[in-house]
Amino acid sequence: MPIENESWFSLDWFQPAVFSNFEYQYPFFLYLLPLILLFFIIRWLVGMRSKQKLPIAFPKRALKQSPVTYLRLIPNLLIAIVSALLLLALSRPQKSNEQVEQWSEGIDIMLVLDISESMRIEDFTPNRLQAAKEVARNFVAGRMQDRIGLVIFSGEAYSLSPLTTDYELLYKFIDDIDFSLIESRGTAIGSALAVATNRMRDVEEGNEGSERQGSASKVMVLLSDGDNTAGNLDPITAAELASAYSIKIYSIAIGKEGKVPFGKDFFGNTRYVDNSLDETTLREIARIGEGQFFRASNREALEEVFSLIDTYEKAEIKETRYKDTTDFYWIYLSWAIGFFLLWLMLKSTFVSNVLTD
């Protein structure tokens, strides 16, 4: 049974483990406890020197030690216990149970990921898409209370996940991303931006998560390795549309230009292809979206880019602390009062005067 459920007169309150579990608001008084013993030693020494002594002759057989003579020490012992208990009560022993509640208004983040055929290129290990998936997964794991959604695109754009704080569900969606999810080939950057904007616009208008309407910042992270070759919407027009809804856009150009490894040939040798990248469009998209453009030519650079975005887009985390404090000084004060009353009763009896002369 917890010590808190014990009655005040239980001897369990004097177990060493109980004292070690307490917090003391005024520990200074605990340092005064040794002074009680010192006081009574000094008092005894002074009393021995100042006490009047009379030479009286007793026969040897009359000088017998009797246990009754020790009764005279009981009142002094009681007053010492009272003093110690009062000092313990003054130190105010207590226990605290602190709870911390963290919350944040959060940020709405839409990850827009290119899954076109060029993402199979193996200048990243094992390829561009798998590296992007792993880094995106780590990015999601580092967020708190942010709603994150997923849009994938190739020749068409597809909303894989709406904005959600269910990160376990997001991990599953990210793990399931594969080239087979979209059959049409090409790179429809403009369509992807438009789909992501529509998802965020739906939230703003209250169709999803209306409890956070108008409070969250909106961020889009576009990751692509190719030129816009598909879709019926120009990327610049799509970026301007996103900007009209106050969506900040970070664009990431992934991969190297020039000769890059791309699978194996018939004889099992590494095949190389020429790769080009339209940085101009991606830079313009970031400029219109009032974000930043990044170039990631390897896995480490890609991780650093997502780390920077994670640093830039942090919502203010607010913290509320609840501290429930229970005092136990009254228990030791009650014991002190009890011993003091006992001392008063004994002081008026023969015990105080047994062989004091």
Protein backbone atom coordinates (compact mmCIF):
# COMPACT_ATOMS: atom_id res chain seq x y z
CA MET A 1 0.00 0.00 0.00
CA PRO A 2 1.40 3.46 -0.87
CA ILE A 3 2.67 5.42 2.13
CA GLU A 4 0.24 8.23 1.29
CA ASN A 5 -2.64 5.93 2.27
CA GLU A 6 -1.22 5.23 5.73
CA SER A 7 -2.73 6.93 8.80
CA TRP A 8 -0.63 9.68 10.40
CA PHE A 9 0.18 7.61 13.49
CA SER A 10 1.67 4.76 11.43
CA LEU A 11 5.34 4.05 12.19
CA ASP A 12 5.92 3.60 8.42
CA TRP A 13 6.34 7.36 8.19
CA PHE A 14 9.72 6.97 9.89
CA GLN A 15 11.22 4.49 7.46
CA PRO A 16 14.46 5.74 5.81
CA ALA A 17 13.04 5.05 2.34
CA VAL A 18 10.15 7.43 3.02
CA PHE A 19 12.49 10.28 3.94
CA SER A 20 14.62 9.72 0.82
CA ASN A 21 11.55 9.98 -1.42
CA PHE A 22 10.49 13.34 -0.04
CA GLU A 23 11.30 16.72 -1.51
CA TYR A 24 12.06 19.34 1.13
CA GLN A 25 10.97 22.90 0.52
CA TYR A 26 13.16 24.25 3.33
CA PRO A 27 16.02 21.74 3.72
CA PHE A 28 17.94 24.23 5.90
CA PHE A 29 16.04 23.00 8.96
CA LEU A 30 17.32 19.45 8.42
CA TYR A 31 20.87 20.69 8.90
CA LEU A 32 19.90 21.85 12.40
CA LEU A 33 19.01 18.32 13.58
CA PRO A 34 22.56 17.52 14.86
CA LEU A 35 22.40 20.67 16.99
CA ILE A 36 19.71 19.06 19.14
CA LEU A 37 22.11 16.33 20.28
CA LEU A 38 24.86 18.91 20.74
CA PHE A 39 22.55 21.06 22.87
CA PHE A 40 21.70 18.25 25.26
CA ILE A 41 25.35 17.19 25.58
CA ILE A 42 26.37 20.76 26.46
CA ARG A 43 23.44 21.04 28.86
CA TRP A 44 24.50 17.83 30.61
CA LEU A 45 28.13 18.98 30.89
CA VAL A 46 27.12 22.36 32.27
CA GLY A 47 24.71 20.71 34.68
CA MET A 48 27.41 18.38 35.96
CA ARG A 49 29.73 21.27 36.68
CA SER A 50 27.18 23.61 38.21
CA LYS A 51 25.24 21.05 40.24
CA GLN A 52 25.77 21.39 43.98
CA LYS A 53 27.53 18.40 45.51
CA LEU A 54 27.40 17.43 49.21
CA PRO A 55 29.86 14.96 50.74
CA ILE A 56 27.74 12.16 52.22
CA ALA A 57 29.06 8.86 53.47
CA PHE A 58 27.14 5.73 52.43
CA PRO A 59 27.96 2.16 53.27
CA LYS A 60 29.18 0.22 50.22
CA ARG A 61 26.18 -2.08 50.25
CA ALA A 62 23.84 0.96 49.86
CA LEU A 63 25.46 2.06 46.58
CA LYS A 64 23.40 -0.06 44.19
CA GLN A 65 22.56 0.87 40.55
CA SER A 66 18.81 0.72 39.89
CA PRO A 67 17.13 0.87 36.45
CA VAL A 68 14.57 3.23 37.96
CA THR A 69 17.18 5.97 37.99
CA TYR A 70 17.10 6.11 34.18
CA LEU A 71 13.47 7.24 34.22
CA ARG A 72 14.72 10.75 34.84
CA LEU A 73 16.06 10.79 31.25
CA ILE A 74 12.64 10.24 29.66
CA PRO A 75 11.47 13.91 29.73
CA ASN A 76 14.71 15.11 28.14
CA LEU A 77 14.44 12.38 25.51
CA LEU A 78 10.85 13.40 24.78
CA ILE A 79 11.69 17.08 24.38
CA ALA A 80 14.59 16.11 22.04
CA ILE A 81 12.18 14.05 19.91
CA VAL A 82 9.71 16.97 19.86
CA SER A 83 12.47 19.32 18.70
CA ALA A 84 13.57 16.93 15.94
CA LEU A 85 10.00 16.45 14.73
CA LEU A 86 9.40 20.21 14.69
CA LEU A 87 12.53 20.75 12.58
CA LEU A 88 11.39 17.99 10.23
CA ALA A 89 7.95 19.60 9.92
CA LEU A 90 9.52 23.03 9.31
CA SER A 91 11.58 21.59 6.43
CA ARG A 92 8.21 20.87 4.81
CA PRO A 93 8.51 17.36 3.33
CA GLN A 94 6.39 16.95 0.22
CA LYS A 95 5.91 15.01 -2.97
CA SER A 96 5.28 16.59 -6.37
CA ASN A 97 3.70 15.11 -9.46
CA GLU A 98 4.55 17.31 -12.45
CA GLN A 99 2.81 16.86 -15.78
CA VAL A 100 3.93 18.61 -18.95
CA GLU A 101 1.50 19.17 -21.79
CA GLN A 102 2.98 20.24 -25.12
CA TRP A 103 0.91 21.45 -28.00
CA SER A 104 1.36 23.35 -31.22
CA GLU A 105 -0.81 24.94 -33.87
CA GLY A 106 1.26 22.99 -36.37
CA ILE A 107 2.09 23.46 -40.03
CA ASP A 108 0.40 21.96 -43.09
CA ILE A 109 3.06 20.32 -45.26
CA MET A 110 2.44 18.66 -48.61
CA LEU A 111 5.24 16.45 -49.96
CA VAL A 112 5.13 16.37 -53.77
CA LEU A 113 7.25 13.48 -55.02
CA ASP A 114 8.33 12.66 -58.56
CA ILE A 115 8.04 8.93 -59.43
CA SER A 116 8.80 9.19 -63.14
CA GLU A 117 11.10 6.68 -64.87
CA SER A 118 14.13 8.93 -64.44
CA MET A 119 13.84 8.40 -60.66
CA ARG A 120 15.16 4.87 -61.30
CA ILE A 121 18.61 6.33 -62.04
CA GLU A 122 21.17 4.91 -59.63
CA ASP A 123 23.36 7.91 -58.86
CA PHE A 124 21.69 7.54 -55.42
CA THR A 125 21.73 4.22 -53.55
CA PRO A 126 19.81 2.13 -54.49
CA ASN A 127 18.11 4.70 -56.76
CA ARG A 128 16.73 8.21 -56.58
CA LEU A 129 13.20 7.22 -55.57
CA GLN A 130 14.21 4.90 -52.74
CA ALA A 131 16.63 7.48 -51.36
CA ALA A 132 13.93 10.16 -51.52
CA LYS A 133 11.44 7.87 -49.75
CA GLU A 134 13.84 7.17 -46.88
CA VAL A 135 14.72 10.83 -46.42
CA ALA A 136 11.03 11.83 -46.58
CA ARG A 137 10.22 9.19 -43.95
CA ASN A 138 12.87 10.62 -41.62
CA PHE A 139 11.52 14.10 -42.26
CA VAL A 140 8.02 13.03 -41.19
CA ALA A 141 9.44 11.38 -38.06
CA GLY A 142 11.00 14.68 -37.01
CA ARG A 143 7.75 16.64 -37.08
CA MET A 144 5.33 17.23 -34.23
CA GLN A 145 1.62 18.01 -34.56
CA ASP A 146 2.07 18.97 -38.22
CA ARG A 147 -0.39 17.71 -40.79
CA ILE A 148 1.47 16.16 -43.69
CA GLY A 149 0.11 14.96 -47.01
CA LEU A 150 1.53 13.18 -50.06
CA VAL A 151 1.17 13.84 -53.78
CA ILE A 152 2.99 11.66 -56.30
CA PHE A 153 3.33 12.39 -59.99
CA SER A 154 4.67 11.02 -63.21
CA GLY A 155 2.72 11.56 -66.44
CA GLU A 156 -0.23 12.40 -64.14
CA ALA A 157 -0.52 13.61 -60.56
CA TYR A 158 -2.22 11.64 -57.82
CA SER A 159 -3.05 12.57 -54.21
CA LEU A 160 -1.78 9.60 -52.21
CA SER A 161 -2.61 10.95 -48.76
CA PRO A 162 -4.58 13.96 -47.48
CA LEU A 163 -3.12 16.14 -44.77
CA THR A 164 -3.01 14.09 -41.60
CA THR A 165 -1.24 13.79 -38.25
CA ASP A 166 -1.42 9.99 -38.41
CA TYR A 167 2.28 9.51 -39.07
CA GLU A 168 2.07 5.72 -38.93
CA LEU A 169 -0.34 5.88 -41.86
CA LEU A 170 2.04 8.23 -43.67
CA TYR A 171 4.92 5.80 -43.18
CA LYS A 172 2.83 3.09 -44.81
CA PHE A 173 1.96 5.34 -47.76
CA ILE A 174 5.62 6.29 -48.22
CA ASP A 175 6.73 2.65 -48.07
CA ASP A 176 4.11 1.73 -50.69
CA ILE A 177 5.26 4.36 -53.20
CA ASP A 178 6.34 2.59 -56.37
CA PHE A 179 6.75 3.35 -60.08
CA SER A 180 3.71 1.19 -60.84
CA LEU A 181 1.29 3.49 -59.02
CA ILE A 182 0.96 5.72 -62.11
CA GLU A 183 1.00 4.11 -65.54
CA SER A 184 1.34 7.17 -67.77
CA ARG A 185 4.92 8.23 -68.35
CA GLY A 186 6.36 11.72 -68.25
CA THR A 187 6.81 14.44 -65.60
CA ALA A 188 3.72 16.54 -64.89
CA ILE A 189 5.12 19.10 -62.43
CA GLY A 190 2.36 21.64 -63.05
CA SER A 191 -0.39 19.09 -62.46
CA ALA A 192 1.29 17.94 -59.23
CA LEU A 193 1.44 21.49 -57.88
CA ALA A 194 -2.22 21.97 -58.74
CA VAL A 195 -3.31 18.76 -56.98
CA ALA A 196 -1.32 19.68 -53.86
CA THR A 197 -2.81 23.19 -53.90
CA ASN A 198 -6.33 21.80 -54.14
CA ARG A 199 -5.68 19.55 -51.14
CA MET A 200 -4.50 22.51 -49.07
CA ARG A 201 -7.31 24.71 -50.31
CA ASP A 202 -9.85 22.12 -49.21
CA VAL A 203 -8.43 22.29 -45.69
CA GLU A 204 -8.49 26.08 -45.68
CA GLU A 205 -12.14 26.11 -46.67
CA GLY A 206 -12.97 23.78 -43.79
CA ASN A 207 -13.62 20.52 -45.63
CA GLU A 208 -10.90 18.84 -43.52
CA GLY A 209 -9.56 19.73 -40.11
CA SER A 210 -11.74 22.80 -39.70
CA GLU A 211 -10.64 23.15 -36.08
CA ARG A 212 -7.34 24.58 -37.35
CA GLN A 213 -8.80 26.74 -40.07
CA GLY A 214 -6.67 29.79 -40.83
CA SER A 215 -4.14 29.07 -38.06
CA ALA A 216 -1.57 26.86 -39.78
CA SER A 217 1.16 27.84 -42.20
CA LYS A 218 1.06 26.00 -45.52
CA VAL A 219 4.21 24.56 -47.04
CA MET A 220 4.81 22.52 -50.18
CA VAL A 221 8.01 20.52 -50.76
CA LEU A 222 8.47 19.62 -54.43
CA LEU A 223 11.07 17.00 -55.30
CA SER A 224 11.77 16.27 -58.96
CA ASP A 225 14.62 15.25 -61.24
CA GLY A 226 13.28 16.16 -64.66
CA ASP A 227 11.75 18.68 -67.00
CA ASN A 228 8.01 19.26 -67.17
CA THR A 229 7.01 16.96 -70.06
CA ALA A 230 3.39 16.06 -69.30
CA GLY A 231 0.17 17.44 -67.91
CA ASN A 232 -2.02 20.24 -69.19
CA LEU A 233 -0.96 22.93 -66.68
CA ASP A 234 2.19 25.00 -66.90
CA PRO A 235 4.35 24.73 -63.71
CA ILE A 236 4.74 28.52 -63.43
CA THR A 237 0.98 29.03 -63.59
CA ALA A 238 0.50 26.30 -60.97
CA ALA A 239 3.09 27.96 -58.70
CA GLU A 240 1.29 31.30 -59.01
CA LEU A 241 -1.96 29.57 -58.07
CA ALA A 242 -0.32 28.08 -54.97
CA SER A 243 1.12 31.46 -54.06
CA ALA A 244 -2.35 32.98 -54.26
CA TYR A 245 -3.35 30.63 -51.42
CA SER A 246 -0.29 31.69 -49.38
CA ILE A 247 1.46 28.35 -49.86
CA LYS A 248 5.23 28.49 -49.52
CA ILE A 249 7.08 26.25 -51.97
CA TYR A 250 10.46 24.61 -51.53
CA SER A 251 11.74 22.96 -54.70
CA ILE A 252 14.46 20.32 -54.73
CA ALA A 253 16.31 19.24 -57.87
CA ILE A 254 17.54 15.71 -57.24
CA GLY A 255 20.31 13.96 -59.20
CA LYS A 256 23.40 14.67 -61.24
CA GLU A 257 23.59 15.89 -64.79
CA GLY A 258 25.57 14.16 -67.51
CA LYS A 259 26.42 10.46 -67.55
CA VAL A 260 24.62 8.62 -64.77
CA PRO A 261 24.21 4.85 -64.02
CA PHE A 262 20.86 3.41 -65.07
CA GLY A 263 20.45 -0.34 -64.61
CA LYS A 264 22.37 -3.14 -66.30
CA ASP A 265 22.81 -4.06 -69.94
CA PHE A 266 22.36 -7.54 -71.44
CA PHE A 267 25.79 -8.64 -70.23
CA GLY A 268 25.25 -7.40 -66.65
CA ASN A 269 27.40 -4.33 -67.02
CA THR A 270 26.32 -0.97 -65.62
CA ARG A 271 24.56 1.07 -68.25
CA TYR A 272 25.01 4.86 -68.38
CA VAL A 273 22.58 7.41 -69.79
CA ASP A 274 22.66 11.15 -70.32
CA ASN A 275 20.62 13.06 -67.76
CA SER A 276 19.54 16.70 -67.92
CA LEU A 277 17.70 18.82 -65.39
CA ASP A 278 15.63 21.96 -65.82
CA GLU A 279 16.85 23.97 -62.84
CA THR A 280 15.42 27.19 -64.23
CA THR A 281 11.80 26.12 -63.83
CA LEU A 282 12.34 24.71 -60.33
CA ARG A 283 14.13 27.90 -59.25
CA GLU A 284 11.27 30.03 -60.59
CA ILE A 285 8.70 27.88 -58.79
CA ALA A 286 10.55 28.43 -55.47
CA ARG A 287 10.82 32.16 -56.14
CA ILE A 288 7.10 32.51 -56.86
CA GLY A 289 6.28 30.41 -53.81
CA GLU A 290 8.57 32.59 -51.65
CA GLY A 291 10.50 29.50 -50.60
CA GLN A 292 13.94 28.26 -51.60
CA PHE A 293 15.49 26.14 -54.33
CA PHE A 294 17.91 23.34 -53.44
CA ARG A 295 20.15 21.10 -55.52
CA ALA A 296 20.85 17.61 -54.15
CA SER A 297 23.36 15.58 -56.14
CA ASN A 298 23.80 12.82 -53.54
CA ARG A 299 22.12 11.22 -50.56
CA GLU A 300 23.95 13.34 -47.98
CA ALA A 301 22.99 16.57 -49.76
CA LEU A 302 19.36 15.45 -49.93
CA GLU A 303 19.32 14.73 -46.20
CA GLU A 304 20.83 18.13 -45.52
CA VAL A 305 18.17 19.83 -47.65
CA PHE A 306 15.33 18.18 -45.73
CA SER A 307 17.11 19.01 -42.47
CA LEU A 308 17.24 22.68 -43.49
CA ILE A 309 13.56 22.70 -44.42
CA ASP A 310 12.79 21.01 -41.10
CA THR A 311 14.69 23.81 -39.34
CA TYR A 312 13.05 26.62 -41.32
CA GLU A 313 9.49 25.37 -40.91
CA LYS A 314 9.07 24.89 -37.19
CA ALA A 315 5.83 25.78 -35.46
CA GLU A 316 6.01 27.34 -32.01
CA ILE A 317 5.66 24.61 -29.40
CA LYS A 318 3.74 25.78 -26.36
CA GLU A 319 4.10 24.06 -23.04
CA THR A 320 1.79 23.92 -20.05
CA ARG A 321 3.06 22.50 -16.77
CA TYR A 322 0.83 21.17 -14.03
CA LYS A 323 2.45 20.56 -10.64
CA ASP A 324 0.44 18.73 -8.00
CA THR A 325 2.21 19.02 -4.63
CA THR A 326 1.19 17.10 -1.50
CA ASP A 327 2.55 18.25 1.88
CA PHE A 328 3.35 15.83 4.70
CA TYR A 329 4.64 18.24 7.34
CA TRP A 330 1.38 17.92 9.28
CA ILE A 331 2.10 14.25 9.99
CA TYR A 332 5.34 14.99 11.81
CA LEU A 333 3.79 18.04 13.43
CA SER A 334 1.05 15.78 14.80
CA TRP A 335 3.66 13.42 16.20
CA ALA A 336 5.49 16.39 17.75
CA ILE A 337 2.30 17.60 19.44
CA GLY A 338 1.65 14.08 20.76
CA PHE A 339 5.14 13.75 22.25
CA PHE A 340 4.90 17.27 23.67
CA LEU A 341 1.65 16.46 25.49
CA LEU A 342 3.27 13.31 26.83
CA TRP A 343 6.21 15.39 28.06
CA LEU A 344 3.86 17.78 29.84
CA MET A 345 2.17 14.90 31.63
CA LEU A 346 5.45 13.31 32.72
CA LYS A 347 6.86 16.66 33.81
CA SER A 348 4.19 16.86 36.46
CA THR A 349 4.90 13.38 37.82
CA PHE A 350 7.63 11.76 39.89
CA VAL A 351 9.51 10.75 36.73
CA SER A 352 11.06 14.20 36.40
CA ASN A 353 12.44 14.05 39.90
CA VAL A 354 13.69 10.48 40.24
CA LEU A 355 17.18 10.73 41.69
CA THR A 356 17.95 14.11 40.18
CA ASP A 357 19.89 15.09 43.25
